[in-house]
Amino acid sequence: MRFAVRYGARRVILYGWSTGASMALHAAVSSPLRERIGGLVLDSPVLDWQTTLRALAVARGSPPPCCRWRSAPPRAGPGWPPTRSWTRPCPTRCPLRR
């Protein structure tokens, strides 16, 4: 977003797929440039890491002990919010389309 704004963009539309969709949603909520976001396109966002990781492990034929996640969900980088933060309603003002 900083790159786009630096080169003249007044508004940006964020698109993300899977983990990228979760990051786009996070940016819309917490980025200092969130007022520049004109829209979000969230394609298959990962909203619940434990369920997602369990489903992927089962789909890939992992043994049952590997499907029981006891540790914290993976992080996408420093400051990434914990999984439970995604269970709250999103405080954006954009209409959601399904």
C-alpha atoms as a PDB file:
ATOM      1  CA  MET A   1       0.000   0.000   0.000  1.00  0.00           C
ATOM      2  CA  ARG A   2       2.843   2.397   0.798  1.00  0.00           C
ATOM      3  CA  PHE A   3       4.272   1.842  -2.682  1.00  0.00           C
ATOM      4  CA  ALA A   4       0.928   2.591  -4.351  1.00  0.00           C
ATOM      5  CA  VAL A   5       0.313   5.686  -2.232  1.00  0.00           C
ATOM      6  CA  ARG A   6       3.890   6.924  -2.757  1.00  0.00           C
ATOM      7  CA  TYR A   7       3.295   6.793  -6.524  1.00  0.00           C
ATOM      8  CA  GLY A   8      -0.021   8.615  -6.491  1.00  0.00           C
ATOM      9  CA  ALA A   9      -2.775   6.177  -5.593  1.00  0.00           C
ATOM     10  CA  ARG A  10      -5.547   7.798  -3.602  1.00  0.00           C
ATOM     11  CA  ARG A  11      -7.391   4.516  -2.943  1.00  0.00           C
ATOM     12  CA  VAL A  12      -6.308   0.881  -3.149  1.00  0.00           C
ATOM     13  CA  ILE A  13      -8.203  -2.373  -3.387  1.00  0.00           C
ATOM     14  CA  LEU A  14      -6.594  -5.250  -1.524  1.00  0.00           C
ATOM     15  CA  TYR A  15      -6.879  -8.773  -2.878  1.00  0.00           C
ATOM     16  CA  GLY A  16      -5.760 -11.816  -0.956  1.00  0.00           C
ATOM     17  CA  TRP A  17      -6.111 -15.556  -1.338  1.00  0.00           C
ATOM     18  CA  SER A  18      -5.934 -17.957   1.632  1.00  0.00           C
ATOM     19  CA  THR A  19      -3.365 -16.602   4.087  1.00  0.00           C
ATOM     20  CA  GLY A  20      -3.038 -13.480   1.944  1.00  0.00           C
ATOM     21  CA  ALA A  21      -6.755 -12.813   2.424  1.00  0.00           C
ATOM     22  CA  SER A  22      -6.258 -12.927   6.186  1.00  0.00           C
ATOM     23  CA  MET A  23      -3.349 -10.488   5.847  1.00  0.00           C
ATOM     24  CA  ALA A  24      -5.448  -8.145   3.682  1.00  0.00           C
ATOM     25  CA  LEU A  25      -8.191  -8.202   6.316  1.00  0.00           C
ATOM     26  CA  HIS A  26      -5.615  -7.505   9.029  1.00  0.00           C
ATOM     27  CA  ALA A  27      -4.296  -4.542   7.000  1.00  0.00           C
ATOM     28  CA  ALA A  28      -7.833  -3.185   6.587  1.00  0.00           C
ATOM     29  CA  VAL A  29      -8.286  -3.233  10.349  1.00  0.00           C
ATOM     30  CA  SER A  30      -4.897  -2.129  11.651  1.00  0.00           C
ATOM     31  CA  SER A  31      -2.774  -0.476   8.949  1.00  0.00           C
ATOM     32  CA  PRO A  32      -1.943   3.225   9.336  1.00  0.00           C
ATOM     33  CA  LEU A  33      -3.039   3.490   5.674  1.00  0.00           C
ATOM     34  CA  ARG A  34      -6.424   1.802   6.235  1.00  0.00           C
ATOM     35  CA  GLU A  35      -8.267   5.001   5.236  1.00  0.00           C
ATOM     36  CA  ARG A  36      -6.797   4.547   1.729  1.00  0.00           C
ATOM     37  CA  ILE A  37      -8.411   1.112   1.315  1.00  0.00           C
ATOM     38  CA  GLY A  38     -11.306   1.368  -1.099  1.00  0.00           C
ATOM     39  CA  GLY A  39     -12.235  -2.300  -1.042  1.00  0.00           C
ATOM     40  CA  LEU A  40     -11.267  -5.839  -0.135  1.00  0.00           C
ATOM     41  CA  VAL A  41     -11.426  -9.018  -2.181  1.00  0.00           C
ATOM     42  CA  LEU A  42     -10.986 -11.961   0.204  1.00  0.00           C
ATOM     43  CA  ASP A  43     -10.691 -15.275  -1.630  1.00  0.00           C
ATOM     44  CA  SER A  44     -10.916 -18.287   0.723  1.00  0.00           C
ATOM     45  CA  PRO A  45      -9.534 -16.487   3.781  1.00  0.00           C
ATOM     46  CA  VAL A  46      -7.980 -18.509   6.599  1.00  0.00           C
ATOM     47  CA  LEU A  47     -10.019 -17.356   9.582  1.00  0.00           C
ATOM     48  CA  ASP A  48      -9.533 -20.347  11.862  1.00  0.00           C
ATOM     49  CA  TRP A  49      -5.989 -21.740  11.812  1.00  0.00           C
ATOM     50  CA  GLN A  50      -6.685 -24.820  13.911  1.00  0.00           C
ATOM     51  CA  THR A  51      -9.566 -25.984  11.718  1.00  0.00           C
ATOM     52  CA  THR A  52      -7.622 -25.198   8.533  1.00  0.00           C
ATOM     53  CA  LEU A  53      -4.474 -27.016   9.640  1.00  0.00           C
ATOM     54  CA  ARG A  54      -6.465 -30.010  10.887  1.00  0.00           C
ATOM     55  CA  ALA A  55      -8.340 -30.265   7.570  1.00  0.00           C
ATOM     56  CA  LEU A  56      -5.094 -30.011   5.571  1.00  0.00           C
ATOM     57  CA  ALA A  57      -3.427 -32.694   7.706  1.00  0.00           C
ATOM     58  CA  VAL A  58      -6.373 -35.069   7.316  1.00  0.00           C
ATOM     59  CA  ALA A  59      -6.597 -34.388   3.558  1.00  0.00           C
ATOM     60  CA  ARG A  60      -2.910 -35.236   3.161  1.00  0.00           C
ATOM     61  CA  GLY A  61      -3.256 -38.472   5.108  1.00  0.00           C
ATOM     62  CA  SER A  62      -1.239 -37.402   8.146  1.00  0.00           C
ATOM     63  CA  PRO A  63      -1.453 -39.785  11.105  1.00  0.00           C
ATOM     64  CA  PRO A  64      -4.033 -38.810  13.762  1.00  0.00           C
ATOM     65  CA  PRO A  65      -1.533 -37.454  16.350  1.00  0.00           C
ATOM     66  CA  CYS A  66      -0.404 -34.859  13.777  1.00  0.00           C
ATOM     67  CA  CYS A  67      -3.960 -33.608  13.491  1.00  0.00           C
ATOM     68  CA  ARG A  68      -4.250 -32.555  17.137  1.00  0.00           C
ATOM     69  CA  TRP A  69      -2.933 -29.008  17.334  1.00  0.00           C
ATOM     70  CA  ARG A  70      -1.992 -28.099  20.867  1.00  0.00           C
ATOM     71  CA  SER A  71       0.393 -25.250  20.234  1.00  0.00           C
ATOM     72  CA  ALA A  72      -0.413 -21.710  19.219  1.00  0.00           C
ATOM     73  CA  PRO A  73      -1.384 -21.228  15.572  1.00  0.00           C
ATOM     74  CA  PRO A  74       1.374 -20.204  13.160  1.00  0.00           C
ATOM     75  CA  ARG A  75       2.106 -16.517  12.794  1.00  0.00           C
ATOM     76  CA  ALA A  76       2.467 -14.546   9.610  1.00  0.00           C
ATOM     77  CA  GLY A  77       5.047 -12.238  11.125  1.00  0.00           C
ATOM     78  CA  PRO A  78       5.754  -9.984  14.087  1.00  0.00           C
ATOM     79  CA  GLY A  79       2.629  -8.532  15.611  1.00  0.00           C
ATOM     80  CA  TRP A  80       0.262 -10.905  13.834  1.00  0.00           C
ATOM     81  CA  PRO A  81      -2.920 -11.093  15.932  1.00  0.00           C
ATOM     82  CA  PRO A  82      -3.880 -14.358  17.650  1.00  0.00           C
ATOM     83  CA  THR A  83      -6.533 -16.578  16.089  1.00  0.00           C
ATOM     84  CA  ARG A  84      -9.218 -15.450  18.504  1.00  0.00           C
ATOM     85  CA  SER A  85      -9.040 -11.892  17.155  1.00  0.00           C
ATOM     86  CA  TRP A  86     -10.675 -13.163  13.933  1.00  0.00           C
ATOM     87  CA  THR A  87     -13.718 -14.425  15.824  1.00  0.00           C
ATOM     88  CA  ARG A  88     -14.860 -10.862  16.530  1.00  0.00           C
ATOM     89  CA  PRO A  89     -16.982  -9.097  13.925  1.00  0.00           C
ATOM     90  CA  CYS A  90     -14.779  -7.198  11.521  1.00  0.00           C
ATOM     91  CA  PRO A  91     -14.848  -3.459  12.351  1.00  0.00           C
ATOM     92  CA  THR A  92     -14.592  -2.359   8.704  1.00  0.00           C
ATOM     93  CA  ARG A  93     -17.233  -0.197   7.090  1.00  0.00           C
ATOM     94  CA  CYS A  94     -17.160  -2.033   3.755  1.00  0.00           C
ATOM     95  CA  PRO A  95     -20.145  -4.170   2.716  1.00  0.00           C
ATOM     96  CA  LEU A  96     -19.348  -7.875   2.490  1.00  0.00           C
ATOM     97  CA  ARG A  97     -20.494  -9.875  -0.529  1.00  0.00           C
ATOM     98  CA  ARG A  98     -20.618 -13.645  -0.600  1.00  0.00           C
END
